[in-house]
Amino acid sequence: MTERTTYLLVDGENIDATLGVSVLGRRPHPEERPRWNKLLHHAEMSWHQPVTGLFFLAVEDSLPSGFVQALIAMGYKPIPLRGEGKIVDIAIQRTAEALETRAADVMLVSHDKDFVPQMEDLAADLERRTAIVGFREFMASDLQDIPGIEFHDLEYDVAAFTSRLPRVRIIEIDEFDPLEFI
């Protein structure tokens, strides 16, 4: 019997856009972007099994070689895509659909409601663990409403950032620390 795998499907553009537009209000500086290696580590530790990290990115005429090499060095499989339309979304949707036939678990790193049908289908399999990773306050409500799906906050659960982000979020009273505000 082969060991079960977690597939980590990363919509890097969505995370970068949400971070820039919704959290920071500007284009993120390199030091403000997620530490993608921490995301791989978090996925592995969360479900105690090997992780295959698939990092989907749209490219024009040239490959962002430095970024691609960094992803490879961290253990990701970069998937640079070119074409018309929402090519990253299309590729992630197709990958999620292909994973329905595998005995594997899936973590989607995106806020995008375009993945709801695929994540609903994956989560309907009671033998499969499914999760969404991102910022809850910017997550499509349709994604959050999928029965059986876990949520992992990119900042608080994954610890993917080197400094605190300027986020306004709902705080569970048991997690409230007044020292963060005074």
C-alpha atoms as a PDB file:
ATOM      1  CA  MET A   1       0.000   0.000   0.000  1.00  0.00           C
ATOM      2  CA  THR A   2       1.358   3.408  -0.919  1.00  0.00           C
ATOM      3  CA  GLU A   3       1.472   6.215   1.580  1.00  0.00           C
ATOM      4  CA  ARG A   4      -1.296   8.784   1.275  1.00  0.00           C
ATOM      5  CA  THR A   5      -0.278  12.195  -0.117  1.00  0.00           C
ATOM      6  CA  THR A   6      -1.510  15.729   0.385  1.00  0.00           C
ATOM      7  CA  TYR A   7      -1.731  17.776  -2.782  1.00  0.00           C
ATOM      8  CA  LEU A   8      -1.162  21.451  -2.079  1.00  0.00           C
ATOM      9  CA  LEU A   9      -2.672  23.475  -4.946  1.00  0.00           C
ATOM     10  CA  VAL A  10      -1.309  27.033  -4.798  1.00  0.00           C
ATOM     11  CA  ASP A  11      -3.029  29.876  -6.633  1.00  0.00           C
ATOM     12  CA  GLY A  12      -0.101  32.247  -6.156  1.00  0.00           C
ATOM     13  CA  GLU A  13      -1.681  35.092  -8.131  1.00  0.00           C
ATOM     14  CA  ASN A  14      -4.795  35.027  -5.953  1.00  0.00           C
ATOM     15  CA  ILE A  15      -2.789  35.080  -2.728  1.00  0.00           C
ATOM     16  CA  ASP A  16      -0.544  37.879  -4.022  1.00  0.00           C
ATOM     17  CA  ALA A  17      -3.526  39.951  -5.228  1.00  0.00           C
ATOM     18  CA  THR A  18      -5.443  39.481  -1.969  1.00  0.00           C
ATOM     19  CA  LEU A  19      -2.378  40.371   0.073  1.00  0.00           C
ATOM     20  CA  GLY A  20      -1.697  43.463  -2.030  1.00  0.00           C
ATOM     21  CA  VAL A  21      -5.191  44.828  -2.661  1.00  0.00           C
ATOM     22  CA  SER A  22      -7.122  43.732   0.421  1.00  0.00           C
ATOM     23  CA  VAL A  23      -4.531  43.526   3.207  1.00  0.00           C
ATOM     24  CA  LEU A  24      -1.761  45.996   2.380  1.00  0.00           C
ATOM     25  CA  GLY A  25      -3.531  48.327  -0.058  1.00  0.00           C
ATOM     26  CA  ARG A  26      -0.489  48.279  -2.341  1.00  0.00           C
ATOM     27  CA  ARG A  27       1.836  45.906  -4.151  1.00  0.00           C
ATOM     28  CA  PRO A  28       3.608  43.722  -1.564  1.00  0.00           C
ATOM     29  CA  HIS A  29       7.346  44.144  -1.113  1.00  0.00           C
ATOM     30  CA  PRO A  30       9.350  40.896  -1.404  1.00  0.00           C
ATOM     31  CA  GLU A  31       9.799  40.651   2.376  1.00  0.00           C
ATOM     32  CA  GLU A  32       6.007  40.931   2.837  1.00  0.00           C
ATOM     33  CA  ARG A  33       5.173  37.960   0.646  1.00  0.00           C
ATOM     34  CA  PRO A  34       4.465  34.518   2.122  1.00  0.00           C
ATOM     35  CA  ARG A  35       7.327  32.185   2.906  1.00  0.00           C
ATOM     36  CA  TRP A  36       6.180  29.383   0.651  1.00  0.00           C
ATOM     37  CA  ASN A  37       8.474  26.842   2.339  1.00  0.00           C
ATOM     38  CA  LYS A  38       6.525  27.350   5.579  1.00  0.00           C
ATOM     39  CA  LEU A  39       3.326  26.477   3.735  1.00  0.00           C
ATOM     40  CA  LEU A  40       4.772  23.144   2.569  1.00  0.00           C
ATOM     41  CA  HIS A  41       5.984  22.414   6.093  1.00  0.00           C
ATOM     42  CA  HIS A  42       2.596  23.325   7.586  1.00  0.00           C
ATOM     43  CA  ALA A  43       0.769  21.016   5.183  1.00  0.00           C
ATOM     44  CA  GLU A  44       3.115  18.160   6.014  1.00  0.00           C
ATOM     45  CA  MET A  45       2.838  18.656   9.776  1.00  0.00           C
ATOM     46  CA  SER A  46      -0.941  19.221   9.754  1.00  0.00           C
ATOM     47  CA  TRP A  47      -1.841  15.896   8.198  1.00  0.00           C
ATOM     48  CA  HIS A  48       1.383  13.960   8.939  1.00  0.00           C
ATOM     49  CA  GLN A  49       1.983  12.755   5.409  1.00  0.00           C
ATOM     50  CA  PRO A  50       4.048  13.661   2.340  1.00  0.00           C
ATOM     51  CA  VAL A  51       3.038  16.764   0.400  1.00  0.00           C
ATOM     52  CA  THR A  52       3.179  17.432  -3.311  1.00  0.00           C
ATOM     53  CA  GLY A  53       3.162  21.204  -3.741  1.00  0.00           C
ATOM     54  CA  LEU A  54       1.880  22.376  -7.103  1.00  0.00           C
ATOM     55  CA  PHE A  55       2.442  26.103  -7.633  1.00  0.00           C
ATOM     56  CA  PHE A  56       0.402  27.464 -10.547  1.00  0.00           C
ATOM     57  CA  LEU A  57       1.488  30.709 -12.165  1.00  0.00           C
ATOM     58  CA  ALA A  58       0.626  32.643 -15.311  1.00  0.00           C
ATOM     59  CA  VAL A  59       3.539  33.704 -17.487  1.00  0.00           C
ATOM     60  CA  GLU A  60       3.864  35.810 -20.614  1.00  0.00           C
ATOM     61  CA  ASP A  61       6.810  35.297 -22.931  1.00  0.00           C
ATOM     62  CA  SER A  62       9.527  34.543 -20.412  1.00  0.00           C
ATOM     63  CA  LEU A  63       9.791  32.266 -17.438  1.00  0.00           C
ATOM     64  CA  PRO A  64      10.469  34.004 -14.084  1.00  0.00           C
ATOM     65  CA  SER A  65      13.559  31.828 -13.676  1.00  0.00           C
ATOM     66  CA  GLY A  66      14.642  33.058 -10.256  1.00  0.00           C
ATOM     67  CA  PHE A  67      11.216  32.495  -8.717  1.00  0.00           C
ATOM     68  CA  VAL A  68      10.778  29.132 -10.452  1.00  0.00           C
ATOM     69  CA  GLN A  69      14.201  27.954  -9.254  1.00  0.00           C
ATOM     70  CA  ALA A  70      13.367  29.078  -5.712  1.00  0.00           C
ATOM     71  CA  LEU A  71      10.088  27.121  -5.810  1.00  0.00           C
ATOM     72  CA  ILE A  72      11.911  24.014  -7.038  1.00  0.00           C
ATOM     73  CA  ALA A  73      14.554  24.385  -4.310  1.00  0.00           C
ATOM     74  CA  MET A  74      11.751  24.519  -1.691  1.00  0.00           C
ATOM     75  CA  GLY A  75      10.186  21.340  -3.038  1.00  0.00           C
ATOM     76  CA  TYR A  76       7.355  22.703  -5.199  1.00  0.00           C
ATOM     77  CA  LYS A  77       6.509  21.672  -8.725  1.00  0.00           C
ATOM     78  CA  PRO A  78       6.044  25.003 -10.524  1.00  0.00           C
ATOM     79  CA  ILE A  79       3.407  24.967 -13.243  1.00  0.00           C
ATOM     80  CA  PRO A  80       3.935  28.008 -15.489  1.00  0.00           C
ATOM     81  CA  LEU A  81       0.959  28.520 -17.792  1.00  0.00           C
ATOM     82  CA  ARG A  82       0.271  30.673 -20.833  1.00  0.00           C
ATOM     83  CA  GLY A  83      -2.931  31.257 -22.734  1.00  0.00           C
ATOM     84  CA  GLU A  84      -6.208  33.118 -22.841  1.00  0.00           C
ATOM     85  CA  GLY A  85      -8.592  33.535 -19.936  1.00  0.00           C
ATOM     86  CA  LYS A  86      -8.198  32.546 -16.304  1.00  0.00           C
ATOM     87  CA  ILE A  87      -5.521  29.985 -17.067  1.00  0.00           C
ATOM     88  CA  VAL A  88      -4.416  29.415 -13.474  1.00  0.00           C
ATOM     89  CA  ASP A  89      -8.014  28.806 -12.382  1.00  0.00           C
ATOM     90  CA  ILE A  90      -8.599  26.425 -15.292  1.00  0.00           C
ATOM     91  CA  ALA A  91      -5.453  24.445 -14.460  1.00  0.00           C
ATOM     92  CA  ILE A  92      -6.318  24.203 -10.760  1.00  0.00           C
ATOM     93  CA  GLN A  93      -9.885  23.149 -11.571  1.00  0.00           C
ATOM     94  CA  ARG A  94      -8.621  20.418 -13.912  1.00  0.00           C
ATOM     95  CA  THR A  95      -6.094  19.248 -11.320  1.00  0.00           C
ATOM     96  CA  ALA A  96      -8.752  19.109  -8.587  1.00  0.00           C
ATOM     97  CA  GLU A  97     -11.023  17.116 -10.897  1.00  0.00           C
ATOM     98  CA  ALA A  98      -8.175  14.694 -11.705  1.00  0.00           C
ATOM     99  CA  LEU A  99      -7.536  14.225  -7.966  1.00  0.00           C
ATOM    100  CA  GLU A 100     -11.101  12.967  -7.450  1.00  0.00           C
ATOM    101  CA  THR A 101      -9.944   9.559  -8.716  1.00  0.00           C
ATOM    102  CA  ARG A 102      -6.962   9.374  -6.351  1.00  0.00           C
ATOM    103  CA  ALA A 103      -6.820   8.406  -2.705  1.00  0.00           C
ATOM    104  CA  ALA A 104      -5.260  11.722  -1.745  1.00  0.00           C
ATOM    105  CA  ASP A 105      -5.983  14.733   0.424  1.00  0.00           C
ATOM    106  CA  VAL A 106      -6.166  18.280  -0.946  1.00  0.00           C
ATOM    107  CA  MET A 107      -5.321  21.737   0.381  1.00  0.00           C
ATOM    108  CA  LEU A 108      -6.289  24.641  -1.870  1.00  0.00           C
ATOM    109  CA  VAL A 109      -4.424  27.901  -1.342  1.00  0.00           C
ATOM    110  CA  SER A 110      -6.795  30.513  -2.758  1.00  0.00           C
ATOM    111  CA  HIS A 111      -9.759  32.713  -1.888  1.00  0.00           C
ATOM    112  CA  ASP A 112     -11.480  32.211  -5.241  1.00  0.00           C
ATOM    113  CA  LYS A 113     -15.069  30.982  -5.485  1.00  0.00           C
ATOM    114  CA  ASP A 114     -14.297  29.524  -8.931  1.00  0.00           C
ATOM    115  CA  PHE A 115     -13.076  26.383  -7.152  1.00  0.00           C
ATOM    116  CA  VAL A 116     -16.268  25.697  -5.189  1.00  0.00           C
ATOM    117  CA  PRO A 117     -17.616  22.877  -7.439  1.00  0.00           C
ATOM    118  CA  GLN A 118     -14.303  21.007  -7.413  1.00  0.00           C
ATOM    119  CA  MET A 119     -13.763  21.435  -3.679  1.00  0.00           C
ATOM    120  CA  GLU A 120     -17.352  20.337  -2.959  1.00  0.00           C
ATOM    121  CA  ASP A 121     -16.761  17.186  -4.990  1.00  0.00           C
ATOM    122  CA  LEU A 122     -13.466  16.478  -3.240  1.00  0.00           C
ATOM    123  CA  ALA A 123     -14.929  17.141   0.227  1.00  0.00           C
ATOM    124  CA  ALA A 124     -17.897  14.863  -0.475  1.00  0.00           C
ATOM    125  CA  ASP A 125     -15.507  11.886  -0.253  1.00  0.00           C
ATOM    126  CA  LEU A 126     -15.524  11.118   3.478  1.00  0.00           C
ATOM    127  CA  GLU A 127     -12.162   9.333   3.185  1.00  0.00           C
ATOM    128  CA  ARG A 128     -10.493  12.522   1.910  1.00  0.00           C
ATOM    129  CA  ARG A 129      -9.317  15.491   3.969  1.00  0.00           C
ATOM    130  CA  THR A 130      -9.794  18.860   2.315  1.00  0.00           C
ATOM    131  CA  ALA A 131      -8.737  22.334   3.369  1.00  0.00           C
ATOM    132  CA  ILE A 132      -8.639  25.917   2.199  1.00  0.00           C
ATOM    133  CA  VAL A 133      -5.621  28.058   3.071  1.00  0.00           C
ATOM    134  CA  GLY A 134      -5.724  31.855   2.992  1.00  0.00           C
ATOM    135  CA  PHE A 135      -7.133  34.837   4.868  1.00  0.00           C
ATOM    136  CA  ARG A 136     -10.581  33.934   6.224  1.00  0.00           C
ATOM    137  CA  GLU A 137     -11.903  37.487   6.025  1.00  0.00           C
ATOM    138  CA  PHE A 138     -11.300  37.535   2.257  1.00  0.00           C
ATOM    139  CA  MET A 139     -12.327  33.932   1.559  1.00  0.00           C
ATOM    140  CA  ALA A 140     -15.295  33.415  -0.729  1.00  0.00           C
ATOM    141  CA  SER A 141     -18.184  32.514   1.569  1.00  0.00           C
ATOM    142  CA  ASP A 142     -19.128  29.655  -0.767  1.00  0.00           C
ATOM    143  CA  LEU A 143     -15.730  28.058  -0.086  1.00  0.00           C
ATOM    144  CA  GLN A 144     -16.120  28.483   3.670  1.00  0.00           C
ATOM    145  CA  ASP A 145     -19.569  26.882   3.557  1.00  0.00           C
ATOM    146  CA  ILE A 146     -18.429  23.563   2.073  1.00  0.00           C
ATOM    147  CA  PRO A 147     -19.264  20.822   4.610  1.00  0.00           C
ATOM    148  CA  GLY A 148     -16.250  19.016   6.035  1.00  0.00           C
ATOM    149  CA  ILE A 149     -13.629  21.403   4.723  1.00  0.00           C
ATOM    150  CA  GLU A 150     -10.922  22.702   7.087  1.00  0.00           C
ATOM    151  CA  PHE A 151      -9.599  26.242   7.106  1.00  0.00           C
ATOM    152  CA  HIS A 152      -5.964  27.202   7.719  1.00  0.00           C
ATOM    153  CA  ASP A 153      -5.083  30.873   8.069  1.00  0.00           C
ATOM    154  CA  LEU A 154      -1.981  31.738   6.068  1.00  0.00           C
ATOM    155  CA  GLU A 155      -0.717  34.152   8.707  1.00  0.00           C
ATOM    156  CA  TYR A 156      -1.891  32.710  12.032  1.00  0.00           C
ATOM    157  CA  ASP A 157      -1.896  28.944  11.420  1.00  0.00           C
ATOM    158  CA  VAL A 158       0.801  28.616   8.757  1.00  0.00           C
ATOM    159  CA  ALA A 159       3.016  31.447  10.091  1.00  0.00           C
ATOM    160  CA  ALA A 160       3.997  32.213   6.492  1.00  0.00           C
ATOM    161  CA  PHE A 161       4.956  35.841   7.133  1.00  0.00           C
ATOM    162  CA  THR A 162       8.009  37.271   8.844  1.00  0.00           C
ATOM    163  CA  SER A 163       6.087  40.194  10.347  1.00  0.00           C
ATOM    164  CA  ARG A 164       2.528  40.881  11.473  1.00  0.00           C
ATOM    165  CA  LEU A 165       0.126  41.947   8.705  1.00  0.00           C
ATOM    166  CA  PRO A 166      -2.228  44.917   9.182  1.00  0.00           C
ATOM    167  CA  ARG A 167      -5.387  42.789   9.186  1.00  0.00           C
ATOM    168  CA  VAL A 168      -8.746  43.448  10.753  1.00  0.00           C
ATOM    169  CA  ARG A 169     -10.404  40.134  11.492  1.00  0.00           C
ATOM    170  CA  ILE A 170     -12.945  38.631  13.831  1.00  0.00           C
ATOM    171  CA  ILE A 171     -11.170  37.344  16.933  1.00  0.00           C
ATOM    172  CA  GLU A 172     -12.466  34.449  18.988  1.00  0.00           C
ATOM    173  CA  ILE A 173     -12.629  35.640  22.592  1.00  0.00           C
ATOM    174  CA  ASP A 174     -10.429  32.729  23.721  1.00  0.00           C
ATOM    175  CA  GLU A 175      -7.719  33.970  21.312  1.00  0.00           C
ATOM    176  CA  PHE A 176      -8.012  37.665  22.249  1.00  0.00           C
ATOM    177  CA  ASP A 177      -4.789  39.165  23.590  1.00  0.00           C
ATOM    178  CA  PRO A 178      -5.239  42.789  24.685  1.00  0.00           C
ATOM    179  CA  LEU A 179      -1.467  43.312  24.498  1.00  0.00           C
ATOM    180  CA  GLU A 180      -1.752  43.200  20.712  1.00  0.00           C
ATOM    181  CA  PHE A 181      -3.862  46.372  20.830  1.00  0.00           C
ATOM    182  CA  ILE A 182      -2.455  48.500  23.631  1.00  0.00           C
END
